[in-house]
Amino acid sequence: MDCRIIKSPSEGTLAILNRRKGSKDNIGVPDAVGLVQGKLIEMVCAADIAEKAVGVTVEDIRGSCPQNMILLAIFGDTASVTSAMEEIKKKENDRLW
């Protein structure tokens, strides 16, 4: 699993994510975006962990990856996105999912 946080995402970055996200819901302008990429089973668990941990919005990001990797975007304020990402990493390291 690969994880990154973008604090204060640019307008262009948000445009890319908005074009590729699974739902048509408007996410507004988040303070931060967490990106998590991995196998489908890991991403379903990661989405569940993030939403249970703090008040964030999780979206699947469409793309074509020959290795069948899935990308999630976690939108919210910086503290919430950081907490969600830390919880995902902790659960992955502990293999508690």
PDB file of N, CA and C in Angstrom:
ATOM      1  N   MET A   1       0.846  -1.162   0.000  1.00  0.00           N
ATOM      2  CA  MET A   1       0.000   0.000   0.000  1.00  0.00           C
ATOM      3  C   MET A   1       0.899   1.234   0.000  1.00  0.00           C
ATOM      4  N   ASP A   2       0.500   2.233  -0.773  1.00  0.00           N
ATOM      5  CA  ASP A   2       1.258   3.470  -0.892  1.00  0.00           C
ATOM      6  C   ASP A   2       0.360   4.619  -0.434  1.00  0.00           C
ATOM      7  N   CYS A   3       0.880   5.514   0.410  1.00  0.00           N
ATOM      8  CA  CYS A   3       0.088   6.608   0.984  1.00  0.00           C
ATOM      9  C   CYS A   3       0.805   7.940   0.831  1.00  0.00           C
ATOM     10  N   ARG A   4       0.039   8.978   0.544  1.00  0.00           N
ATOM     11  CA  ARG A   4       0.564  10.347   0.450  1.00  0.00           C
ATOM     12  C   ARG A   4      -0.504  11.316   0.958  1.00  0.00           C
ATOM     13  N   ILE A   5      -0.059  12.470   1.462  1.00  0.00           N
ATOM     14  CA  ILE A   5      -0.971  13.545   1.853  1.00  0.00           C
ATOM     15  C   ILE A   5      -0.599  14.795   1.075  1.00  0.00           C
ATOM     16  N   ILE A   6      -1.607  15.439   0.511  1.00  0.00           N
ATOM     17  CA  ILE A   6      -1.412  16.729  -0.149  1.00  0.00           C
ATOM     18  C   ILE A   6      -2.111  17.771   0.714  1.00  0.00           C
ATOM     19  N   LYS A   7      -1.327  18.659   1.320  1.00  0.00           N
ATOM     20  CA  LYS A   7      -1.893  19.744   2.115  1.00  0.00           C
ATOM     21  C   LYS A   7      -2.112  20.943   1.203  1.00  0.00           C
ATOM     22  N   SER A   8      -3.227  21.609   1.360  1.00  0.00           N
ATOM     23  CA  SER A   8      -3.604  22.753   0.521  1.00  0.00           C
ATOM     24  C   SER A   8      -3.480  22.401  -0.968  1.00  0.00           C
ATOM     25  N   PRO A   9      -4.268  21.416  -1.437  1.00  0.00           N
ATOM     26  CA  PRO A   9      -4.159  21.000  -2.841  1.00  0.00           C
ATOM     27  C   PRO A   9      -4.466  22.154  -3.792  1.00  0.00           C
ATOM     28  N   SER A  10      -3.741  22.188  -4.902  1.00  0.00           N
ATOM     29  CA  SER A  10      -3.931  23.237  -5.899  1.00  0.00           C
ATOM     30  C   SER A  10      -5.252  23.043  -6.634  1.00  0.00           C
ATOM     31  N   GLU A  11      -5.674  24.085  -7.305  1.00  0.00           N
ATOM     32  CA  GLU A  11      -6.899  24.038  -8.092  1.00  0.00           C
ATOM     33  C   GLU A  11      -6.806  22.953  -9.172  1.00  0.00           C
ATOM     34  N   GLY A  12      -5.641  22.843  -9.806  1.00  0.00           N
ATOM     35  CA  GLY A  12      -5.450  21.834 -10.844  1.00  0.00           C
ATOM     36  C   GLY A  12      -5.525  20.414 -10.304  1.00  0.00           C
ATOM     37  N   THR A  13      -4.933  20.203  -9.131  1.00  0.00           N
ATOM     38  CA  THR A  13      -4.989  18.876  -8.496  1.00  0.00           C
ATOM     39  C   THR A  13      -6.420  18.502  -8.169  1.00  0.00           C
ATOM     40  N   LEU A  14      -7.174  19.438  -7.609  1.00  0.00           N
ATOM     41  CA  LEU A  14      -8.576  19.168  -7.286  1.00  0.00           C
ATOM     42  C   LEU A  14      -9.393  18.907  -8.550  1.00  0.00           C
ATOM     43  N   ALA A  15      -9.068  19.590  -9.638  1.00  0.00           N
ATOM     44  CA  ALA A  15      -9.773  19.364 -10.908  1.00  0.00           C
ATOM     45  C   ALA A  15      -9.532  17.942 -11.407  1.00  0.00           C
ATOM     46  N   ILE A  16      -8.299  17.484 -11.316  1.00  0.00           N
ATOM     47  CA  ILE A  16      -7.982  16.108 -11.733  1.00  0.00           C
ATOM     48  C   ILE A  16      -8.783  15.115 -10.902  1.00  0.00           C
ATOM     49  N   LEU A  17      -8.768  15.285  -9.583  1.00  0.00           N
ATOM     50  CA  LEU A  17      -9.478  14.363  -8.700  1.00  0.00           C
ATOM     51  C   LEU A  17     -10.985  14.419  -8.922  1.00  0.00           C
ATOM     52  N   ASN A  18     -11.530  15.620  -9.112  1.00  0.00           N
ATOM     53  CA  ASN A  18     -12.972  15.744  -9.366  1.00  0.00           C
ATOM     54  C   ASN A  18     -13.395  15.064 -10.659  1.00  0.00           C
ATOM     55  N   ARG A  19     -12.559  15.133 -11.692  1.00  0.00           N
ATOM     56  CA  ARG A  19     -12.881  14.462 -12.965  1.00  0.00           C
ATOM     57  C   ARG A  19     -12.842  12.943 -12.819  1.00  0.00           C
ATOM     58  N   ARG A  20     -12.005  12.442 -11.936  1.00  0.00           N
ATOM     59  CA  ARG A  20     -11.780  10.999 -11.852  1.00  0.00           C
ATOM     60  C   ARG A  20     -12.502  10.313 -10.686  1.00  0.00           C
ATOM     61  N   LYS A  21     -13.107  11.087  -9.787  1.00  0.00           N
ATOM     62  CA  LYS A  21     -13.719  10.434  -8.621  1.00  0.00           C
ATOM     63  C   LYS A  21     -14.993   9.692  -9.010  1.00  0.00           C
ATOM     64  N   GLY A  22     -15.297   8.664  -8.245  1.00  0.00           N
ATOM     65  CA  GLY A  22     -16.401   7.776  -8.566  1.00  0.00           C
ATOM     66  C   GLY A  22     -17.771   8.413  -8.496  1.00  0.00           C
ATOM     67  N   SER A  23     -17.998   9.300  -7.530  1.00  0.00           N
ATOM     68  CA  SER A  23     -19.319   9.922  -7.414  1.00  0.00           C
ATOM     69  C   SER A  23     -19.305  11.300  -8.048  1.00  0.00           C
ATOM     70  N   LYS A  24     -20.475  11.840  -8.222  1.00  0.00           N
ATOM     71  CA  LYS A  24     -20.607  13.195  -8.773  1.00  0.00           C
ATOM     72  C   LYS A  24     -20.798  14.224  -7.662  1.00  0.00           C
ATOM     73  N   ASP A  25     -20.717  13.805  -6.398  1.00  0.00           N
ATOM     74  CA  ASP A  25     -20.882  14.708  -5.267  1.00  0.00           C
ATOM     75  C   ASP A  25     -19.804  15.783  -5.290  1.00  0.00           C
ATOM     76  N   ASN A  26     -20.189  16.997  -4.935  1.00  0.00           N
ATOM     77  CA  ASN A  26     -19.240  18.100  -4.872  1.00  0.00           C
ATOM     78  C   ASN A  26     -18.499  18.036  -3.541  1.00  0.00           C
ATOM     79  N   ILE A  27     -17.189  17.984  -3.590  1.00  0.00           N
ATOM     80  CA  ILE A  27     -16.395  17.903  -2.359  1.00  0.00           C
ATOM     81  C   ILE A  27     -15.963  19.268  -1.852  1.00  0.00           C
ATOM     82  N   GLY A  28     -16.238  20.311  -2.612  1.00  0.00           N
ATOM     83  CA  GLY A  28     -15.824  21.646  -2.205  1.00  0.00           C
ATOM     84  C   GLY A  28     -14.319  21.794  -2.320  1.00  0.00           C
ATOM     85  N   VAL A  29     -13.738  22.609  -1.454  1.00  0.00           N
ATOM     86  CA  VAL A  29     -12.293  22.823  -1.455  1.00  0.00           C
ATOM     87  C   VAL A  29     -11.750  22.338  -0.116  1.00  0.00           C
ATOM     88  N   PRO A  30     -11.239  21.107  -0.078  1.00  0.00           N
ATOM     89  CA  PRO A  30     -10.732  20.558   1.181  1.00  0.00           C
ATOM     90  C   PRO A  30      -9.376  21.167   1.550  1.00  0.00           C
ATOM     91  N   ASP A  31      -9.085  21.162   2.844  1.00  0.00           N
ATOM     92  CA  ASP A  31      -7.767  21.614   3.321  1.00  0.00           C
ATOM     93  C   ASP A  31      -6.673  20.647   2.900  1.00  0.00           C
ATOM     94  N   ALA A  32      -7.029  19.354   2.820  1.00  0.00           N
ATOM     95  CA  ALA A  32      -6.038  18.325   2.516  1.00  0.00           C
ATOM     96  C   ALA A  32      -6.698  17.163   1.792  1.00  0.00           C
ATOM     97  N   VAL A  33      -5.858  16.410   1.080  1.00  0.00           N
ATOM     98  CA  VAL A  33      -6.306  15.190   0.405  1.00  0.00           C
ATOM     99  C   VAL A  33      -5.299  14.096   0.727  1.00  0.00           C
ATOM    100  N   GLY A  34      -5.790  12.983   1.245  1.00  0.00           N
ATOM    101  CA  GLY A  34      -4.949  11.813   1.445  1.00  0.00           C
ATOM    102  C   GLY A  34      -5.153  10.875   0.266  1.00  0.00           C
ATOM    103  N   LEU A  35      -4.075  10.365  -0.273  1.00  0.00           N
ATOM    104  CA  LEU A  35      -4.152   9.408  -1.384  1.00  0.00           C
ATOM    105  C   LEU A  35      -3.607   8.074  -0.914  1.00  0.00           C
ATOM    106  N   VAL A  36      -4.379   7.024  -1.144  1.00  0.00           N
ATOM    107  CA  VAL A  36      -3.993   5.677  -0.728  1.00  0.00           C
ATOM    108  C   VAL A  36      -4.197   4.758  -1.924  1.00  0.00           C
ATOM    109  N   GLN A  37      -3.166   4.000  -2.278  1.00  0.00           N
ATOM    110  CA  GLN A  37      -3.248   3.103  -3.422  1.00  0.00           C
ATOM    111  C   GLN A  37      -2.845   1.705  -2.999  1.00  0.00           C
ATOM    112  N   GLY A  38      -3.608   0.727  -3.457  1.00  0.00           N
ATOM    113  CA  GLY A  38      -3.292  -0.657  -3.137  1.00  0.00           C
ATOM    114  C   GLY A  38      -4.295  -1.600  -3.776  1.00  0.00           C
ATOM    115  N   LYS A  39      -4.312  -2.826  -3.275  1.00  0.00           N
ATOM    116  CA  LYS A  39      -5.242  -3.842  -3.758  1.00  0.00           C
ATOM    117  C   LYS A  39      -6.660  -3.499  -3.317  1.00  0.00           C
ATOM    118  N   LEU A  40      -7.638  -3.988  -4.056  1.00  0.00           N
ATOM    119  CA  LEU A  40      -9.033  -3.689  -3.763  1.00  0.00           C
ATOM    120  C   LEU A  40      -9.401  -4.031  -2.320  1.00  0.00           C
ATOM    121  N   ILE A  41      -9.010  -5.183  -1.844  1.00  0.00           N
ATOM    122  CA  ILE A  41      -9.360  -5.594  -0.487  1.00  0.00           C
ATOM    123  C   ILE A  41      -8.786  -4.617   0.544  1.00  0.00           C
ATOM    124  N   GLU A  42      -7.570  -4.153   0.309  1.00  0.00           N
ATOM    125  CA  GLU A  42      -6.941  -3.182   1.215  1.00  0.00           C
ATOM    126  C   GLU A  42      -7.658  -1.839   1.167  1.00  0.00           C
ATOM    127  N   MET A  43      -8.105  -1.442  -0.026  1.00  0.00           N
ATOM    128  CA  MET A  43      -8.735  -0.129  -0.179  1.00  0.00           C
ATOM    129  C   MET A  43     -10.128  -0.086   0.428  1.00  0.00           C
ATOM    130  N   VAL A  44     -10.862  -1.185   0.350  1.00  0.00           N
ATOM    131  CA  VAL A  44     -12.175  -1.240   1.001  1.00  0.00           C
ATOM    132  C   VAL A  44     -11.995  -1.120   2.513  1.00  0.00           C
ATOM    133  N   CYS A  45     -11.028  -1.842   3.050  1.00  0.00           N
ATOM    134  CA  CYS A  45     -10.747  -1.755   4.486  1.00  0.00           C
ATOM    135  C   CYS A  45     -10.243  -0.372   4.869  1.00  0.00           C
ATOM    136  N   ALA A  46      -9.377   0.223   4.048  1.00  0.00           N
ATOM    137  CA  ALA A  46      -8.844   1.556   4.323  1.00  0.00           C
ATOM    138  C   ALA A  46      -9.961   2.599   4.341  1.00  0.00           C
ATOM    139  N   ALA A  47     -10.896   2.500   3.414  1.00  0.00           N
ATOM    140  CA  ALA A  47     -12.023   3.434   3.381  1.00  0.00           C
ATOM    141  C   ALA A  47     -12.849   3.307   4.658  1.00  0.00           C
ATOM    142  N   ASP A  48     -13.097   2.094   5.085  1.00  0.00           N
ATOM    143  CA  ASP A  48     -13.865   1.851   6.303  1.00  0.00           C
ATOM    144  C   ASP A  48     -13.149   2.438   7.522  1.00  0.00           C
ATOM    145  N   ILE A  49     -11.854   2.209   7.614  1.00  0.00           N
ATOM    146  CA  ILE A  49     -11.059   2.724   8.735  1.00  0.00           C
ATOM    147  C   ILE A  49     -11.092   4.246   8.758  1.00  0.00           C
ATOM    148  N   ALA A  50     -10.871   4.871   7.603  1.00  0.00           N
ATOM    149  CA  ALA A  50     -10.834   6.335   7.531  1.00  0.00           C
ATOM    150  C   ALA A  50     -12.162   6.956   7.946  1.00  0.00           C
ATOM    151  N   GLU A  51     -13.261   6.411   7.435  1.00  0.00           N
ATOM    152  CA  GLU A  51     -14.567   6.978   7.755  1.00  0.00           C
ATOM    153  C   GLU A  51     -14.952   6.757   9.213  1.00  0.00           C
ATOM    154  N   LYS A  52     -14.536   5.661   9.800  1.00  0.00           N
ATOM    155  CA  LYS A  52     -14.827   5.403  11.213  1.00  0.00           C
ATOM    156  C   LYS A  52     -13.937   6.224  12.138  1.00  0.00           C
ATOM    157  N   ALA A  53     -12.727   6.539  11.697  1.00  0.00           N
ATOM    158  CA  ALA A  53     -11.759   7.230  12.553  1.00  0.00           C
ATOM    159  C   ALA A  53     -12.115   8.697  12.756  1.00  0.00           C
ATOM    160  N   VAL A  54     -12.457   9.387  11.689  1.00  0.00           N
ATOM    161  CA  VAL A  54     -12.700  10.836  11.752  1.00  0.00           C
ATOM    162  C   VAL A  54     -13.683  11.260  10.671  1.00  0.00           C
ATOM    163  N   GLY A  55     -14.082  12.513  10.693  1.00  0.00           N
ATOM    164  CA  GLY A  55     -15.043  13.032   9.723  1.00  0.00           C
ATOM    165  C   GLY A  55     -14.403  13.398   8.398  1.00  0.00           C
ATOM    166  N   VAL A  56     -14.176  12.401   7.558  1.00  0.00           N
ATOM    167  CA  VAL A  56     -13.606  12.624   6.233  1.00  0.00           C
ATOM    168  C   VAL A  56     -14.544  12.048   5.181  1.00  0.00           C
ATOM    169  N   THR A  57     -14.334  12.464   3.951  1.00  0.00           N
ATOM    170  CA  THR A  57     -15.065  11.907   2.821  1.00  0.00           C
ATOM    171  C   THR A  57     -14.087  11.071   2.006  1.00  0.00           C
ATOM    172  N   VAL A  58     -14.472   9.841   1.700  1.00  0.00           N
ATOM    173  CA  VAL A  58     -13.611   8.946   0.931  1.00  0.00           C
ATOM    174  C   VAL A  58     -14.244   8.699  -0.431  1.00  0.00           C
ATOM    175  N   GLU A  59     -13.440   8.837  -1.467  1.00  0.00           N
ATOM    176  CA  GLU A  59     -13.894   8.612  -2.847  1.00  0.00           C
ATOM    177  C   GLU A  59     -12.918   7.680  -3.557  1.00  0.00           C
ATOM    178  N   ASP A  60     -13.454   6.810  -4.400  1.00  0.00           N
ATOM    179  CA  ASP A  60     -12.579   6.026  -5.262  1.00  0.00           C
ATOM    180  C   ASP A  60     -12.230   6.891  -6.471  1.00  0.00           C
ATOM    181  N   ILE A  61     -11.001   6.773  -6.925  1.00  0.00           N
ATOM    182  CA  ILE A  61     -10.515   7.562  -8.052  1.00  0.00           C
ATOM    183  C   ILE A  61     -10.297   6.610  -9.223  1.00  0.00           C
ATOM    184  N   ARG A  62     -11.038   6.859 -10.294  1.00  0.00           N
ATOM    185  CA  ARG A  62     -10.961   5.987 -11.471  1.00  0.00           C
ATOM    186  C   ARG A  62      -9.644   6.194 -12.212  1.00  0.00           C
ATOM    187  N   GLY A  63      -9.184   5.133 -12.780  1.00  0.00           N
ATOM    188  CA  GLY A  63      -7.978   5.172 -13.591  1.00  0.00           C
ATOM    189  C   GLY A  63      -7.773   3.817 -14.210  1.00  0.00           C
ATOM    190  N   SER A  64      -6.770   3.697 -15.022  1.00  0.00           N
ATOM    191  CA  SER A  64      -6.475   2.399 -15.616  1.00  0.00           C
ATOM    192  C   SER A  64      -5.065   2.006 -15.208  1.00  0.00           C
ATOM    193  N   CYS A  65      -5.001   1.009 -14.372  1.00  0.00           N
ATOM    194  CA  CYS A  65      -3.721   0.530 -13.870  1.00  0.00           C
ATOM    195  C   CYS A  65      -3.582  -0.935 -14.276  1.00  0.00           C
ATOM    196  N   PRO A  66      -2.555  -1.264 -15.020  1.00  0.00           N
ATOM    197  CA  PRO A  66      -2.392  -2.652 -15.470  1.00  0.00           C
ATOM    198  C   PRO A  66      -2.225  -3.643 -14.319  1.00  0.00           C
ATOM    199  N   GLN A  67      -1.778  -3.159 -13.171  1.00  0.00           N
ATOM    200  CA  GLN A  67      -1.594  -4.043 -12.013  1.00  0.00           C
ATOM    201  C   GLN A  67      -2.859  -4.140 -11.169  1.00  0.00           C
ATOM    202  N   ASN A  68      -3.970  -3.527 -11.629  1.00  0.00           N
ATOM    203  CA  ASN A  68      -5.248  -3.552 -10.920  1.00  0.00           C
ATOM    204  C   ASN A  68      -5.167  -2.936  -9.527  1.00  0.00           C
ATOM    205  N   MET A  69      -4.378  -1.886  -9.386  1.00  0.00           N
ATOM    206  CA  MET A  69      -4.312  -1.162  -8.123  1.00  0.00           C
ATOM    207  C   MET A  69      -5.461  -0.159  -8.086  1.00  0.00           C
ATOM    208  N   ILE A  70      -5.954   0.096  -6.902  1.00  0.00           N
ATOM    209  CA  ILE A  70      -7.078   0.999  -6.686  1.00  0.00           C
ATOM    210  C   ILE A  70      -6.555   2.234  -5.950  1.00  0.00           C
ATOM    211  N   LEU A  71      -7.088   3.414  -6.283  1.00  0.00           N
ATOM    212  CA  LEU A  71      -6.695   4.650  -5.618  1.00  0.00           C
ATOM    213  C   LEU A  71      -7.896   5.237  -4.897  1.00  0.00           C
ATOM    214  N   LEU A  72      -7.698   5.584  -3.627  1.00  0.00           N
ATOM    215  CA  LEU A  72      -8.706   6.292  -2.844  1.00  0.00           C
ATOM    216  C   LEU A  72      -8.213   7.697  -2.567  1.00  0.00           C
ATOM    217  N   ALA A  73      -9.133   8.643  -2.533  1.00  0.00           N
ATOM    218  CA  ALA A  73      -8.829  10.000  -2.092  1.00  0.00           C
ATOM    219  C   ALA A  73      -9.643  10.252  -0.830  1.00  0.00           C
ATOM    220  N   ILE A  74      -8.974  10.749   0.181  1.00  0.00           N
ATOM    221  CA  ILE A  74      -9.605  11.049   1.468  1.00  0.00           C
ATOM    222  C   ILE A  74      -9.595  12.567   1.610  1.00  0.00           C
ATOM    223  N   PHE A  75     -10.782  13.175   1.610  1.00  0.00           N
ATOM    224  CA  PHE A  75     -10.921  14.629   1.628  1.00  0.00           C
ATOM    225  C   PHE A  75     -11.351  15.111   3.009  1.00  0.00           C
ATOM    226  N   GLY A  76     -10.771  16.227   3.446  1.00  0.00           N
ATOM    227  CA  GLY A  76     -11.189  16.823   4.712  1.00  0.00           C
ATOM    228  C   GLY A  76     -10.225  17.888   5.169  1.00  0.00           C
ATOM    229  N   ASP A  77     -10.385  18.282   6.443  1.00  0.00           N
ATOM    230  CA  ASP A  77      -9.430  19.244   6.989  1.00  0.00           C
ATOM    231  C   ASP A  77      -8.115  18.512   7.260  1.00  0.00           C
ATOM    232  N   THR A  78      -7.045  19.267   7.379  1.00  0.00           N
ATOM    233  CA  THR A  78      -5.705  18.666   7.481  1.00  0.00           C
ATOM    234  C   THR A  78      -5.590  17.704   8.652  1.00  0.00           C
ATOM    235  N   ALA A  79      -6.089  18.096   9.814  1.00  0.00           N
ATOM    236  CA  ALA A  79      -5.981  17.229  11.003  1.00  0.00           C
ATOM    237  C   ALA A  79      -6.754  15.922  10.814  1.00  0.00           C
ATOM    238  N   SER A  80      -7.939  15.993  10.234  1.00  0.00           N
ATOM    239  CA  SER A  80      -8.748  14.789  10.025  1.00  0.00           C
ATOM    240  C   SER A  80      -8.126  13.851   9.001  1.00  0.00           C
ATOM    241  N   VAL A  81      -7.634  14.415   7.901  1.00  0.00           N
ATOM    242  CA  VAL A  81      -6.998  13.586   6.872  1.00  0.00           C
ATOM    243  C   VAL A  81      -5.738  12.933   7.444  1.00  0.00           C
ATOM    244  N   THR A  82      -4.950  13.701   8.176  1.00  0.00           N
ATOM    245  CA  THR A  82      -3.735  13.153   8.789  1.00  0.00           C
ATOM    246  C   THR A  82      -4.082  12.028   9.758  1.00  0.00           C
ATOM    247  N   SER A  83      -5.097  12.225  10.595  1.00  0.00           N
ATOM    248  CA  SER A  83      -5.520  11.187  11.541  1.00  0.00           C
ATOM    249  C   SER A  83      -6.000   9.930  10.819  1.00  0.00           C
ATOM    250  N   ALA A  84      -6.788  10.129   9.759  1.00  0.00           N
ATOM    251  CA  ALA A  84      -7.286   8.982   8.991  1.00  0.00           C
ATOM    252  C   ALA A  84      -6.131   8.200   8.376  1.00  0.00           C
ATOM    253  N   MET A  85      -5.177   8.906   7.802  1.00  0.00           N
ATOM    254  CA  MET A  85      -4.025   8.244   7.170  1.00  0.00           C
ATOM    255  C   MET A  85      -3.189   7.502   8.212  1.00  0.00           C
ATOM    256  N   GLU A  86      -2.987   8.112   9.378  1.00  0.00           N
ATOM    257  CA  GLU A  86      -2.223   7.449  10.438  1.00  0.00           C
ATOM    258  C   GLU A  86      -2.927   6.190  10.912  1.00  0.00           C
ATOM    259  N   GLU A  87      -4.240   6.254  11.028  1.00  0.00           N
ATOM    260  CA  GLU A  87      -5.007   5.084  11.461  1.00  0.00           C
ATOM    261  C   GLU A  87      -4.928   3.964  10.423  1.00  0.00           C
ATOM    262  N   ILE A  88      -4.998   4.315   9.148  1.00  0.00           N
ATOM    263  CA  ILE A  88      -4.868   3.312   8.075  1.00  0.00           C
ATOM    264  C   ILE A  88      -3.504   2.645   8.150  1.00  0.00           C
ATOM    265  N   LYS A  89      -2.445   3.440   8.282  1.00  0.00           N
ATOM    266  CA  LYS A  89      -1.090   2.885   8.356  1.00  0.00           C
ATOM    267  C   LYS A  89      -0.918   2.007   9.588  1.00  0.00           C
ATOM    268  N   LYS A  90      -1.475   2.441  10.725  1.00  0.00           N
ATOM    269  CA  LYS A  90      -1.376   1.659  11.961  1.00  0.00           C
ATOM    270  C   LYS A  90      -2.057   0.306  11.791  1.00  0.00           C
ATOM    271  N   LYS A  91      -3.268   0.326  11.254  1.00  0.00           N
ATOM    272  CA  LYS A  91      -4.002  -0.934  11.066  1.00  0.00           C
ATOM    273  C   LYS A  91      -3.292  -1.842  10.072  1.00  0.00           C
ATOM    274  N   GLU A  92      -2.688  -1.238   9.037  1.00  0.00           N
ATOM    275  CA  GLU A  92      -1.961  -2.051   8.063  1.00  0.00           C
ATOM    276  C   GLU A  92      -0.741  -2.698   8.729  1.00  0.00           C
ATOM    277  N   ASN A  93      -0.007  -1.919   9.499  1.00  0.00           N
ATOM    278  CA  ASN A  93       1.182  -2.456  10.182  1.00  0.00           C
ATOM    279  C   ASN A  93       0.821  -3.534  11.187  1.00  0.00           C
ATOM    280  N   ASP A  94      -0.308  -3.354  11.861  1.00  0.00           N
ATOM    281  CA  ASP A  94      -0.760  -4.328  12.856  1.00  0.00           C
ATOM    282  C   ASP A  94      -1.531  -5.474  12.210  1.00  0.00           C
ATOM    283  N   ARG A  95      -1.900  -5.304  10.926  1.00  0.00           N
ATOM    284  CA  ARG A  95      -2.740  -6.278  10.195  1.00  0.00           C
ATOM    285  C   ARG A  95      -4.017  -6.567  10.957  1.00  0.00           C
ATOM    286  N   LEU A  96      -4.674  -5.478  11.387  1.00  0.00           N
ATOM    287  CA  LEU A  96      -5.908  -5.624  12.154  1.00  0.00           C
ATOM    288  C   LEU A  96      -7.156  -5.546  11.291  1.00  0.00           C
ATOM    289  N   TRP A  97      -7.021  -5.767  10.002  1.00  0.00           N
ATOM    290  CA  TRP A  97      -8.222  -5.752   9.172  1.00  0.00           C
ATOM    291  C   TRP A  97      -8.445  -7.056   8.511  1.00  0.00           C
TER     292      TRP A  97
END
